[in-house]
C-alpha atoms as a PDB file:
ATOM      1  CA  UNK A   1       7.611 -23.511  10.214  1.00  0.00           C
ATOM      2  CA  UNK A   2      11.286 -23.380  11.660  1.00  0.00           C
ATOM      3  CA  UNK A   3      12.225 -24.208  14.471  1.00  0.00           C
ATOM      4  CA  UNK A   4      13.129 -20.465  14.967  1.00  0.00           C
ATOM      5  CA  UNK A   5       9.787 -19.153  14.264  1.00  0.00           C
ATOM      6  CA  UNK A   6       8.195 -22.215  16.101  1.00  0.00           C
ATOM      7  CA  UNK A   7      10.122 -21.193  18.581  1.00  0.00           C
ATOM      8  CA  UNK A   8       9.111 -18.314  18.790  1.00  0.00           C
ATOM      9  CA  UNK A   9       5.027 -19.306  18.848  1.00  0.00           C
ATOM     10  CA  UNK A  10       6.060 -21.853  21.853  1.00  0.00           C
ATOM     11  CA  UNK A  11       7.608 -18.953  23.751  1.00  0.00           C
ATOM     12  CA  UNK A  12       4.253 -16.596  23.277  1.00  0.00           C
ATOM     13  CA  UNK A  13       2.234 -18.781  24.313  1.00  0.00           C
ATOM     14  CA  UNK A  14       1.145 -20.182  21.589  1.00  0.00           C
ATOM     15  CA  UNK A  15       1.024 -24.180  23.435  1.00  0.00           C
ATOM     16  CA  UNK A  16       0.289 -26.416  19.788  1.00  0.00           C
ATOM     17  CA  UNK A  17       4.048 -24.716  19.116  1.00  0.00           C
ATOM     18  CA  UNK A  18       4.735 -26.079  21.753  1.00  0.00           C
ATOM     19  CA  UNK A  19       4.100 -29.591  21.331  1.00  0.00           C
ATOM     20  CA  UNK A  20       5.633 -28.753  18.241  1.00  0.00           C
ATOM     21  CA  UNK A  21       8.627 -28.427  19.861  1.00  0.00           C
ATOM     22  CA  UNK A  22       8.395 -31.206  22.526  1.00  0.00           C
ATOM     23  CA  UNK A  23       7.586 -33.753  19.557  1.00  0.00           C
ATOM     24  CA  UNK A  24      11.360 -32.721  18.493  1.00  0.00           C
ATOM     25  CA  UNK A  25      12.849 -33.385  20.664  1.00  0.00           C
ATOM     26  CA  UNK A  26      10.732 -36.506  22.440  1.00  0.00           C
ATOM     27  CA  UNK A  27      13.376 -38.776  21.025  1.00  0.00           C
ATOM     28  CA  UNK A  28      16.212 -37.413  23.446  1.00  0.00           C
ATOM     29  CA  UNK A  29      14.223 -36.903  26.551  1.00  0.00           C
ATOM     30  CA  UNK A  30      12.807 -40.573  26.091  1.00  0.00           C
ATOM     31  CA  UNK A  31      17.010 -41.899  26.220  1.00  0.00           C
ATOM     32  CA  UNK A  32      17.585 -39.454  29.003  1.00  0.00           C
ATOM     33  CA  UNK A  33      14.065 -41.248  30.431  1.00  0.00           C
ATOM     34  CA  UNK A  34      16.288 -44.760  30.284  1.00  0.00           C
ATOM     35  CA  UNK A  35      18.408 -45.526  33.907  1.00  0.00           C
ATOM     36  CA  UNK A  36      19.546 -48.771  33.468  1.00  0.00           C
ATOM     37  CA  UNK A  37      18.009 -49.872  30.417  1.00  0.00           C
ATOM     38  CA  UNK A  38      14.671 -49.431  32.182  1.00  0.00           C
ATOM     39  CA  UNK A  39      11.922 -46.251  30.529  1.00  0.00           C
ATOM     40  CA  UNK A  40      11.169 -43.782  34.071  1.00  0.00           C
ATOM     41  CA  UNK A  41       8.371 -42.212  33.282  1.00  0.00           C
ATOM     42  CA  UNK A  42       8.582 -39.763  35.846  1.00  0.00           C
ATOM     43  CA  UNK A  43      11.673 -38.455  34.930  1.00  0.00           C
ATOM     44  CA  UNK A  44      10.463 -38.207  31.845  1.00  0.00           C
ATOM     45  CA  UNK A  45       7.053 -35.663  32.705  1.00  0.00           C
ATOM     46  CA  UNK A  46      10.535 -33.802  34.454  1.00  0.00           C
ATOM     47  CA  UNK A  47      12.327 -33.297  31.553  1.00  0.00           C
ATOM     48  CA  UNK A  48       9.404 -32.331  28.993  1.00  0.00           C
ATOM     49  CA  UNK A  49       8.460 -29.565  32.038  1.00  0.00           C
ATOM     50  CA  UNK A  50      12.621 -28.362  32.262  1.00  0.00           C
ATOM     51  CA  UNK A  51      12.210 -28.225  29.112  1.00  0.00           C
ATOM     52  CA  UNK A  52       9.217 -26.245  28.234  1.00  0.00           C
ATOM     53  CA  UNK A  53      10.211 -24.013  30.934  1.00  0.00           C
ATOM     54  CA  UNK A  54      13.460 -23.865  29.466  1.00  0.00           C
ATOM     55  CA  UNK A  55      11.840 -22.941  25.404  1.00  0.00           C
ATOM     56  CA  UNK A  56       9.842 -19.703  27.111  1.00  0.00           C
ATOM     57  CA  UNK A  57      12.637 -18.261  29.624  1.00  0.00           C
ATOM     58  CA  UNK A  58      15.375 -17.827  26.877  1.00  0.00           C
ATOM     59  CA  UNK A  59      15.676 -15.550  24.249  1.00  0.00           C
ATOM     60  CA  UNK A  60      16.163 -16.078  20.230  1.00  0.00           C
END
């Protein structure tokens, strides 16, 4: 499955596809959740929610 198909599937409510997208973006989310060299779990979870919301809202 290519990225566009994965994104469309996640937008359609396929939780497996959404989780696969999260795994693709996980390194970026992890990097952004490190504040002052300390991993911030709350920020990481917040970023995951924002990403999932964006996946479901924006058109492809």
